[in-house]
């Protein structure tokens, strides 16, 4: 162990260390850039109650069923009231 670490309980910064790139800040910058871009470009998706929507139906041969928003059950999930009774 170096004597500077023993005395000061940390590594002393020299001119040579100032030339080395700071990898931690580079990694943090690289990780935060996509997140900031996503937050700036994303739209908040909210549907008012009663709005007409097309809902994907996985139970029968008819893939898409029309209906209206009945209530919100999650951040991006809604309960849909369909015009036909689904199986």
N, C-alpha and C. Protein backbone atom coordinates (compact mmCIF):
# COMPACT_ATOMS: atom_id res chain seq x y z
N UNK A 1 0.85 -1.17 0.00
CA UNK A 1 0.00 0.00 0.00
C UNK A 1 0.91 1.24 0.00
N UNK A 2 0.50 2.27 -0.69
CA UNK A 2 1.30 3.49 -0.77
C UNK A 2 1.23 4.25 0.54
N UNK A 3 2.30 5.00 0.81
CA UNK A 3 2.32 5.78 2.05
C UNK A 3 1.31 6.91 2.01
N UNK A 4 1.02 7.46 0.82
CA UNK A 4 0.04 8.54 0.73
C UNK A 4 -1.36 8.04 1.09
N UNK A 5 -1.63 6.80 0.75
CA UNK A 5 -2.93 6.22 1.11
C UNK A 5 -3.01 6.02 2.62
N UNK A 6 -1.91 5.59 3.23
CA UNK A 6 -1.89 5.40 4.68
C UNK A 6 -2.08 6.72 5.42
N UNK A 7 -1.41 7.77 4.98
CA UNK A 7 -1.44 9.04 5.69
C UNK A 7 -2.74 9.78 5.44
N UNK A 8 -3.14 9.89 4.19
CA UNK A 8 -4.30 10.72 3.83
C UNK A 8 -5.60 9.92 3.67
N UNK A 9 -5.51 8.61 3.74
CA UNK A 9 -6.66 7.72 3.57
C UNK A 9 -7.35 7.87 2.22
N UNK A 10 -6.59 8.28 1.24
CA UNK A 10 -7.08 8.38 -0.14
C UNK A 10 -5.88 8.49 -1.06
N UNK A 11 -6.13 8.27 -2.35
CA UNK A 11 -5.05 8.45 -3.31
C UNK A 11 -4.93 9.92 -3.66
N UNK A 12 -3.69 10.40 -3.71
CA UNK A 12 -3.48 11.80 -4.08
C UNK A 12 -3.58 11.94 -5.59
N UNK A 13 -4.17 13.04 -6.04
CA UNK A 13 -4.30 13.28 -7.47
C UNK A 13 -3.06 14.02 -7.95
N UNK A 14 -2.44 13.46 -8.97
CA UNK A 14 -1.25 14.07 -9.56
C UNK A 14 -1.61 14.58 -10.95
N UNK A 15 -0.65 15.24 -11.58
CA UNK A 15 -0.88 15.74 -12.94
C UNK A 15 -1.10 14.58 -13.92
N UNK A 16 -0.41 13.50 -13.68
CA UNK A 16 -0.58 12.34 -14.54
C UNK A 16 -2.01 11.80 -14.47
N UNK A 17 -2.61 11.78 -13.29
CA UNK A 17 -3.98 11.30 -13.14
C UNK A 17 -4.98 12.24 -13.81
N UNK A 18 -4.64 13.51 -13.94
CA UNK A 18 -5.53 14.44 -14.63
C UNK A 18 -5.58 14.14 -16.13
N UNK A 19 -4.55 13.49 -16.66
CA UNK A 19 -4.54 13.13 -18.07
C UNK A 19 -5.38 11.89 -18.36
N UNK A 20 -5.54 11.03 -17.36
CA UNK A 20 -6.34 9.82 -17.55
C UNK A 20 -7.82 10.19 -17.64
N UNK A 21 -8.56 9.54 -18.55
CA UNK A 21 -9.99 9.85 -18.63
C UNK A 21 -10.74 9.32 -17.42
N UNK A 22 -11.78 10.03 -17.05
CA UNK A 22 -12.61 9.61 -15.94
C UNK A 22 -13.69 8.68 -16.50
N UNK A 23 -13.47 7.39 -16.36
CA UNK A 23 -14.39 6.40 -16.95
C UNK A 23 -15.77 6.45 -16.31
N UNK A 24 -15.84 6.71 -15.03
CA UNK A 24 -17.14 6.71 -14.34
C UNK A 24 -18.06 7.78 -14.90
N UNK A 25 -17.54 8.99 -15.11
CA UNK A 25 -18.40 10.06 -15.64
C UNK A 25 -18.78 9.77 -17.09
N UNK A 26 -17.87 9.16 -17.87
CA UNK A 26 -18.21 8.81 -19.25
C UNK A 26 -19.33 7.78 -19.30
N UNK A 27 -19.28 6.80 -18.43
CA UNK A 27 -20.32 5.77 -18.39
C UNK A 27 -21.66 6.38 -17.97
N UNK A 28 -21.65 7.21 -16.94
CA UNK A 28 -22.90 7.84 -16.47
C UNK A 28 -23.51 8.73 -17.54
N UNK A 29 -22.67 9.48 -18.28
CA UNK A 29 -23.18 10.31 -19.36
C UNK A 29 -23.79 9.47 -20.47
N UNK A 30 -23.12 8.36 -20.81
CA UNK A 30 -23.63 7.49 -21.86
C UNK A 30 -24.94 6.82 -21.46
N UNK A 31 -25.09 6.50 -20.19
CA UNK A 31 -26.32 5.84 -19.74
C UNK A 31 -27.48 6.81 -19.62
N UNK A 32 -27.23 8.06 -19.29
CA UNK A 32 -28.33 9.01 -19.08
C UNK A 32 -28.83 9.60 -20.39
N UNK A 33 -28.03 9.61 -21.44
CA UNK A 33 -28.44 10.22 -22.71
C UNK A 33 -29.66 9.54 -23.32
N UNK A 34 -29.71 8.20 -23.46
CA UNK A 34 -30.91 7.58 -24.02
C UNK A 34 -32.16 7.80 -23.17
N UNK A 35 -32.01 7.84 -21.86
CA UNK A 35 -33.15 8.06 -20.97
C UNK A 35 -33.72 9.45 -21.19
N UNK A 36 -32.86 10.47 -21.26
CA UNK A 36 -33.32 11.84 -21.47
C UNK A 36 -33.99 11.98 -22.83
N UNK A 37 -33.42 11.35 -23.86
CA UNK A 37 -34.02 11.41 -25.20
C UNK A 37 -35.40 10.76 -25.21
N UNK A 38 -35.53 9.64 -24.53
CA UNK A 38 -36.82 8.96 -24.47
C UNK A 38 -37.86 9.83 -23.76
N UNK A 39 -37.47 10.44 -22.64
CA UNK A 39 -38.41 11.27 -21.89
C UNK A 39 -38.84 12.48 -22.69
N UNK A 40 -37.96 13.04 -23.50
CA UNK A 40 -38.31 14.22 -24.30
C UNK A 40 -39.22 13.86 -25.46
N UNK A 41 -39.03 12.67 -26.04
CA UNK A 41 -39.77 12.29 -27.25
C UNK A 41 -41.03 11.49 -26.99
N UNK A 42 -41.23 11.00 -25.77
CA UNK A 42 -42.39 10.15 -25.50
C UNK A 42 -43.63 10.99 -25.23
N UNK A 43 -44.77 10.41 -25.56
CA UNK A 43 -46.05 11.08 -25.31
C UNK A 43 -46.76 10.39 -24.16
N UNK A 44 -47.46 11.16 -23.37
CA UNK A 44 -48.26 10.60 -22.30
C UNK A 44 -49.55 10.07 -22.93
N UNK A 45 -49.84 8.80 -22.69
CA UNK A 45 -51.02 8.18 -23.30
C UNK A 45 -52.13 8.09 -22.27
N UNK A 46 -53.11 8.93 -22.41
CA UNK A 46 -54.29 8.88 -21.54
C UNK A 46 -55.53 8.90 -22.42
N UNK A 47 -56.45 8.04 -22.09
CA UNK A 47 -57.71 7.97 -22.84
C UNK A 47 -58.84 8.42 -21.93
N UNK A 48 -59.68 9.34 -22.39
CA UNK A 48 -60.82 9.76 -21.57
C UNK A 48 -61.87 8.66 -21.54
N UNK A 49 -62.63 8.63 -20.44
CA UNK A 49 -63.71 7.64 -20.32
C UNK A 49 -64.72 7.86 -21.42
N UNK A 50 -65.19 6.76 -22.01
CA UNK A 50 -66.18 6.84 -23.07
C UNK A 50 -65.60 6.97 -24.47
N UNK A 51 -64.29 7.13 -24.60
CA UNK A 51 -63.69 7.27 -25.93
C UNK A 51 -63.80 5.95 -26.68
N UNK A 52 -64.13 6.02 -27.97
CA UNK A 52 -64.23 4.84 -28.81
C UNK A 52 -62.83 4.35 -29.14
N UNK A 53 -62.62 3.04 -28.97
CA UNK A 53 -61.31 2.43 -29.25
C UNK A 53 -61.51 1.09 -29.94
N UNK A 54 -60.44 0.60 -30.55
CA UNK A 54 -60.40 -0.75 -31.09
C UNK A 54 -59.53 -1.56 -30.15
N UNK A 55 -60.03 -2.70 -29.71
CA UNK A 55 -59.35 -3.53 -28.74
C UNK A 55 -58.97 -4.85 -29.38
N UNK A 56 -57.78 -5.35 -29.05
CA UNK A 56 -57.32 -6.63 -29.59
C UNK A 56 -58.00 -7.75 -28.82
N UNK A 57 -58.60 -8.68 -29.57
CA UNK A 57 -59.33 -9.80 -28.99
C UNK A 57 -58.55 -11.08 -29.25
N UNK A 58 -58.09 -11.73 -28.20
CA UNK A 58 -57.32 -12.96 -28.34
C UNK A 58 -58.17 -14.22 -28.16
N UNK A 59 -59.47 -14.07 -27.91
CA UNK A 59 -60.30 -15.22 -27.59
C UNK A 59 -61.00 -15.86 -28.77
N UNK A 60 -61.30 -15.11 -29.82
CA UNK A 60 -62.06 -15.66 -30.95
C UNK A 60 -61.33 -15.33 -32.25
N UNK A 61 -61.95 -15.69 -33.37
CA UNK A 61 -61.34 -15.45 -34.67
C UNK A 61 -61.31 -13.98 -35.03
N UNK A 62 -62.24 -13.23 -34.52
CA UNK A 62 -62.26 -11.80 -34.82
C UNK A 62 -61.15 -11.12 -34.01
N UNK A 63 -60.14 -10.56 -34.71
CA UNK A 63 -58.96 -10.05 -34.01
C UNK A 63 -59.22 -8.72 -33.31
N UNK A 64 -59.95 -7.83 -33.92
CA UNK A 64 -60.17 -6.50 -33.36
C UNK A 64 -61.65 -6.26 -33.12
N UNK A 65 -61.97 -5.71 -31.96
CA UNK A 65 -63.36 -5.46 -31.57
C UNK A 65 -63.47 -4.00 -31.15
N UNK A 66 -64.54 -3.34 -31.59
CA UNK A 66 -64.73 -1.94 -31.19
C UNK A 66 -65.40 -1.88 -29.82
N UNK A 67 -65.11 -0.81 -29.11
CA UNK A 67 -65.69 -0.63 -27.78
C UNK A 67 -65.38 0.77 -27.28
N UNK A 68 -65.65 1.00 -26.01
CA UNK A 68 -65.37 2.31 -25.42
C UNK A 68 -64.68 2.10 -24.07
N UNK A 69 -63.90 3.09 -23.67
CA UNK A 69 -63.15 3.01 -22.42
C UNK A 69 -64.11 3.08 -21.25
N UNK A 70 -64.07 2.07 -20.37
CA UNK A 70 -64.96 2.01 -19.22
C UNK A 70 -64.27 2.58 -17.97
N UNK A 71 -63.01 2.11 -17.69
CA UNK A 71 -62.27 2.66 -16.56
C UNK A 71 -60.79 2.37 -16.75
N UNK A 72 -59.97 3.14 -16.06
CA UNK A 72 -58.52 2.97 -16.10
C UNK A 72 -58.13 2.01 -14.98
N UNK A 73 -57.33 0.97 -15.31
CA UNK A 73 -56.95 -0.01 -14.31
C UNK A 73 -55.44 -0.04 -14.07
N UNK A 74 -54.66 0.73 -14.80
CA UNK A 74 -53.21 0.78 -14.63
C UNK A 74 -52.64 1.97 -15.38
N UNK A 75 -51.32 2.13 -15.37
CA UNK A 75 -50.71 3.28 -16.04
C UNK A 75 -51.01 3.33 -17.53
N UNK A 76 -51.04 2.17 -18.19
CA UNK A 76 -51.36 2.11 -19.62
C UNK A 76 -52.43 1.08 -19.91
N UNK A 77 -53.18 0.66 -18.89
CA UNK A 77 -54.21 -0.38 -19.06
C UNK A 77 -55.59 0.20 -18.78
N UNK A 78 -56.53 -0.20 -19.62
CA UNK A 78 -57.91 0.28 -19.50
C UNK A 78 -58.86 -0.90 -19.59
N UNK A 79 -60.00 -0.77 -18.92
CA UNK A 79 -61.06 -1.74 -19.08
C UNK A 79 -61.96 -1.22 -20.19
N UNK A 80 -62.23 -2.10 -21.17
CA UNK A 80 -62.99 -1.70 -22.35
C UNK A 80 -64.34 -2.39 -22.33
N UNK A 81 -65.38 -1.62 -22.60
CA UNK A 81 -66.73 -2.16 -22.73
C UNK A 81 -66.98 -2.37 -24.23
N UNK A 82 -67.15 -3.62 -24.63
CA UNK A 82 -67.32 -3.91 -26.04
C UNK A 82 -68.80 -3.96 -26.39
N UNK A 83 -69.07 -3.81 -27.68
CA UNK A 83 -70.46 -3.82 -28.14
C UNK A 83 -71.01 -5.24 -28.19
N UNK A 84 -70.12 -6.23 -28.41
CA UNK A 84 -70.54 -7.63 -28.44
C UNK A 84 -70.02 -8.31 -27.19
N UNK A 85 -70.71 -9.36 -26.75
CA UNK A 85 -70.24 -10.17 -25.63
C UNK A 85 -69.12 -11.06 -26.14
N UNK A 86 -67.96 -11.02 -25.46
CA UNK A 86 -66.82 -11.82 -25.90
C UNK A 86 -66.71 -13.08 -25.05
N UNK A 87 -66.20 -14.13 -25.65
CA UNK A 87 -66.04 -15.40 -24.95
C UNK A 87 -64.80 -15.39 -24.08
